[in-house]
Amino acid sequence: MKKFLYFAEAAGADADGEAVVVPVENVLGIYPTAATTCNLHFKNPKVTEGADADTTNNYVELTYSSGSFKLVCDAIVGAMNATRSSGMAVIADGDNSVFVIPEITACLVAIGDADINPDN
């Protein structure tokens, strides 16, 4: 079964750029950006080939308690490796205040603006 990660800002998750579901195999890495934030980078689900291939805005920023980067990484990797009946793990659902661990407090979705290519 294919596995997916779900991320949503606390903005209703009903408009472009407010939520994303990413296949686990598209995750490229997790990088700390400050004491309380990290970026989870992934292959762009909206990318097309050629000049429109935006590779800079393909991430989700997570905000968490200071010093919790390793805990956040452990929780995300654990969710990626877990067996789930639905195949989807909620990492950050700001709309419903549901996070994979309580140290995570917010989510920002940043996805490039290229057109969706269903063949990717």
C-alpha atoms as a PDB file:
ATOM      1  CA  MET A   1       0.000   0.000   0.000  1.00  0.00           C
ATOM      2  CA  LYS A   2       1.274   3.444  -0.878  1.00  0.00           C
ATOM      3  CA  LYS A   3       1.821   5.741   2.133  1.00  0.00           C
ATOM      4  CA  PHE A   4       1.048   9.463   2.335  1.00  0.00           C
ATOM      5  CA  LEU A   5       1.675  12.340   4.756  1.00  0.00           C
ATOM      6  CA  TYR A   6      -0.999  15.002   5.411  1.00  0.00           C
ATOM      7  CA  PHE A   7      -0.211  18.636   6.269  1.00  0.00           C
ATOM      8  CA  ALA A   8      -2.693  21.512   6.690  1.00  0.00           C
ATOM      9  CA  GLU A   9      -2.428  25.077   7.887  1.00  0.00           C
ATOM     10  CA  ALA A  10      -5.008  26.471  10.306  1.00  0.00           C
ATOM     11  CA  ALA A  11      -6.778  28.259   7.463  1.00  0.00           C
ATOM     12  CA  GLY A  12      -9.564  25.892   6.509  1.00  0.00           C
ATOM     13  CA  ALA A  13      -7.509  23.630   4.186  1.00  0.00           C
ATOM     14  CA  ASP A  14      -9.909  24.519   1.392  1.00  0.00           C
ATOM     15  CA  ALA A  15      -7.805  26.711  -0.881  1.00  0.00           C
ATOM     16  CA  ASP A  16      -4.654  26.325  -2.944  1.00  0.00           C
ATOM     17  CA  GLY A  17      -1.581  26.231  -0.736  1.00  0.00           C
ATOM     18  CA  GLU A  18      -3.377  25.540   2.557  1.00  0.00           C
ATOM     19  CA  ALA A  19      -2.953  21.768   2.624  1.00  0.00           C
ATOM     20  CA  VAL A  20      -1.051  19.000   0.905  1.00  0.00           C
ATOM     21  CA  VAL A  21      -0.916  15.211   0.885  1.00  0.00           C
ATOM     22  CA  VAL A  22       2.549  13.980  -0.087  1.00  0.00           C
ATOM     23  CA  PRO A  23       3.581  10.435  -1.029  1.00  0.00           C
ATOM     24  CA  VAL A  24       6.195   9.229   1.457  1.00  0.00           C
ATOM     25  CA  GLU A  25       8.593   8.419  -1.383  1.00  0.00           C
ATOM     26  CA  ASN A  26       8.610  12.123  -2.361  1.00  0.00           C
ATOM     27  CA  VAL A  27      10.177  13.199   0.952  1.00  0.00           C
ATOM     28  CA  LEU A  28      13.697  14.517   0.365  1.00  0.00           C
ATOM     29  CA  GLY A  29      14.692  15.523   3.899  1.00  0.00           C
ATOM     30  CA  ILE A  30      14.021  17.507   7.050  1.00  0.00           C
ATOM     31  CA  TYR A  31      16.132  20.569   7.826  1.00  0.00           C
ATOM     32  CA  PRO A  32      16.098  22.812  10.920  1.00  0.00           C
ATOM     33  CA  THR A  33      15.698  26.504  10.062  1.00  0.00           C
ATOM     34  CA  ALA A  34      15.629  27.917  13.625  1.00  0.00           C
ATOM     35  CA  ALA A  35      15.318  26.690  17.212  1.00  0.00           C
ATOM     36  CA  THR A  36      11.562  26.300  16.754  1.00  0.00           C
ATOM     37  CA  THR A  37      11.090  25.549  13.031  1.00  0.00           C
ATOM     38  CA  CYS A  38      12.124  23.045  10.412  1.00  0.00           C
ATOM     39  CA  ASN A  39      11.332  22.468   6.770  1.00  0.00           C
ATOM     40  CA  LEU A  40      10.277  19.117   5.389  1.00  0.00           C
ATOM     41  CA  HIS A  41      11.313  19.175   1.719  1.00  0.00           C
ATOM     42  CA  PHE A  42       9.803  16.978  -0.949  1.00  0.00           C
ATOM     43  CA  LYS A  43       9.514  16.574  -4.693  1.00  0.00           C
ATOM     44  CA  ASN A  44       6.960  19.085  -5.954  1.00  0.00           C
ATOM     45  CA  PRO A  45       3.546  17.475  -6.562  1.00  0.00           C
ATOM     46  CA  LYS A  46       2.676  20.365  -8.915  1.00  0.00           C
ATOM     47  CA  VAL A  47       5.863  20.327 -10.962  1.00  0.00           C
ATOM     48  CA  THR A  48       6.026  20.025 -14.729  1.00  0.00           C
ATOM     49  CA  GLU A  49       9.093  19.340 -16.830  1.00  0.00           C
ATOM     50  CA  GLY A  50      11.252  22.130 -18.202  1.00  0.00           C
ATOM     51  CA  ALA A  51      11.524  25.763 -17.166  1.00  0.00           C
ATOM     52  CA  ASP A  52       8.397  25.614 -14.972  1.00  0.00           C
ATOM     53  CA  ALA A  53       9.999  23.043 -12.680  1.00  0.00           C
ATOM     54  CA  ASP A  54      10.051  25.081  -9.450  1.00  0.00           C
ATOM     55  CA  THR A  55      12.303  23.298  -6.974  1.00  0.00           C
ATOM     56  CA  THR A  56      12.583  26.036  -4.342  1.00  0.00           C
ATOM     57  CA  ASN A  57       9.078  26.098  -2.842  1.00  0.00           C
ATOM     58  CA  ASN A  58       8.471  22.419  -2.204  1.00  0.00           C
ATOM     59  CA  TYR A  59       8.296  22.197   1.540  1.00  0.00           C
ATOM     60  CA  VAL A  60       6.218  22.294   4.666  1.00  0.00           C
ATOM     61  CA  GLU A  61       7.442  24.386   7.581  1.00  0.00           C
ATOM     62  CA  LEU A  62       6.664  22.995  11.008  1.00  0.00           C
ATOM     63  CA  THR A  63       6.773  25.077  14.180  1.00  0.00           C
ATOM     64  CA  TYR A  64       7.530  23.263  17.413  1.00  0.00           C
ATOM     65  CA  SER A  65       8.773  23.700  20.989  1.00  0.00           C
ATOM     66  CA  SER A  66      12.356  24.931  21.195  1.00  0.00           C
ATOM     67  CA  GLY A  67      14.872  22.105  21.151  1.00  0.00           C
ATOM     68  CA  SER A  68      12.436  19.522  19.758  1.00  0.00           C
ATOM     69  CA  PHE A  69      13.929  19.039  16.280  1.00  0.00           C
ATOM     70  CA  LYS A  70      15.054  15.451  16.914  1.00  0.00           C
ATOM     71  CA  LEU A  71      11.676  14.538  18.455  1.00  0.00           C
ATOM     72  CA  VAL A  72       9.919  15.990  15.400  1.00  0.00           C
ATOM     73  CA  CYS A  73      12.166  14.016  13.040  1.00  0.00           C
ATOM     74  CA  ASP A  74      11.642  10.792  15.019  1.00  0.00           C
ATOM     75  CA  ALA A  75       7.864  11.270  14.917  1.00  0.00           C
ATOM     76  CA  ILE A  76       7.788  11.979  11.164  1.00  0.00           C
ATOM     77  CA  VAL A  77      10.037   9.032  10.318  1.00  0.00           C
ATOM     78  CA  GLY A  78       7.960   6.828  12.616  1.00  0.00           C
ATOM     79  CA  ALA A  79       4.779   7.926  10.844  1.00  0.00           C
ATOM     80  CA  MET A  80       6.402   7.274   7.465  1.00  0.00           C
ATOM     81  CA  ASN A  81       7.340   3.728   8.499  1.00  0.00           C
ATOM     82  CA  ALA A  82       4.145   2.852  10.400  1.00  0.00           C
ATOM     83  CA  THR A  83       1.564   0.456   9.030  1.00  0.00           C
ATOM     84  CA  ARG A  84      -1.736   2.294   8.627  1.00  0.00           C
ATOM     85  CA  SER A  85      -5.004   0.907   7.317  1.00  0.00           C
ATOM     86  CA  SER A  86      -5.777   4.135   5.452  1.00  0.00           C
ATOM     87  CA  GLY A  87      -2.216   4.634   4.187  1.00  0.00           C
ATOM     88  CA  MET A  88      -2.257   8.287   5.309  1.00  0.00           C
ATOM     89  CA  ALA A  89      -0.486   9.700   8.361  1.00  0.00           C
ATOM     90  CA  VAL A  90      -1.489  13.101   9.725  1.00  0.00           C
ATOM     91  CA  ILE A  91       1.671  15.041  10.563  1.00  0.00           C
ATOM     92  CA  ALA A  92       0.081  18.469  11.025  1.00  0.00           C
ATOM     93  CA  ASP A  93      -3.608  19.347  10.839  1.00  0.00           C
ATOM     94  CA  GLY A  94      -3.765  22.945  12.005  1.00  0.00           C
ATOM     95  CA  ASP A  95      -7.507  23.130  11.349  1.00  0.00           C
ATOM     96  CA  ASN A  96      -8.229  20.532  14.006  1.00  0.00           C
ATOM     97  CA  SER A  97      -5.135  21.035  16.190  1.00  0.00           C
ATOM     98  CA  VAL A  98      -4.004  17.475  15.491  1.00  0.00           C
ATOM     99  CA  PHE A  99      -0.250  16.915  15.269  1.00  0.00           C
ATOM    100  CA  VAL A 100       1.835  13.755  15.168  1.00  0.00           C
ATOM    101  CA  ILE A 101       3.400  14.883  18.481  1.00  0.00           C
ATOM    102  CA  PRO A 102       2.300  17.649  20.878  1.00  0.00           C
ATOM    103  CA  GLU A 103       5.580  19.559  20.435  1.00  0.00           C
ATOM    104  CA  ILE A 104       4.444  20.577  16.916  1.00  0.00           C
ATOM    105  CA  THR A 105       2.194  23.630  17.124  1.00  0.00           C
ATOM    106  CA  ALA A 106       1.806  24.964  13.559  1.00  0.00           C
ATOM    107  CA  CYS A 107       2.305  24.230   9.886  1.00  0.00           C
ATOM    108  CA  LEU A 108       2.966  26.348   6.793  1.00  0.00           C
ATOM    109  CA  VAL A 109       2.511  24.792   3.342  1.00  0.00           C
ATOM    110  CA  ALA A 110       4.802  26.161   0.611  1.00  0.00           C
ATOM    111  CA  ILE A 111       4.371  24.490  -2.771  1.00  0.00           C
ATOM    112  CA  GLY A 112       5.622  25.789  -6.132  1.00  0.00           C
ATOM    113  CA  ASP A 113       3.074  27.237  -8.526  1.00  0.00           C
ATOM    114  CA  ALA A 114       3.751  25.059 -11.562  1.00  0.00           C
ATOM    115  CA  ASP A 115       0.830  23.222 -13.181  1.00  0.00           C
ATOM    116  CA  ILE A 116      -0.001  19.731 -12.007  1.00  0.00           C
ATOM    117  CA  ASN A 117       1.343  16.977 -14.244  1.00  0.00           C
ATOM    118  CA  PRO A 118      -0.509  13.739 -13.438  1.00  0.00           C
ATOM    119  CA  ASP A 119       2.205  11.693 -15.193  1.00  0.00           C
ATOM    120  CA  ASN A 120       4.852  12.597 -12.556  1.00  0.00           C
END
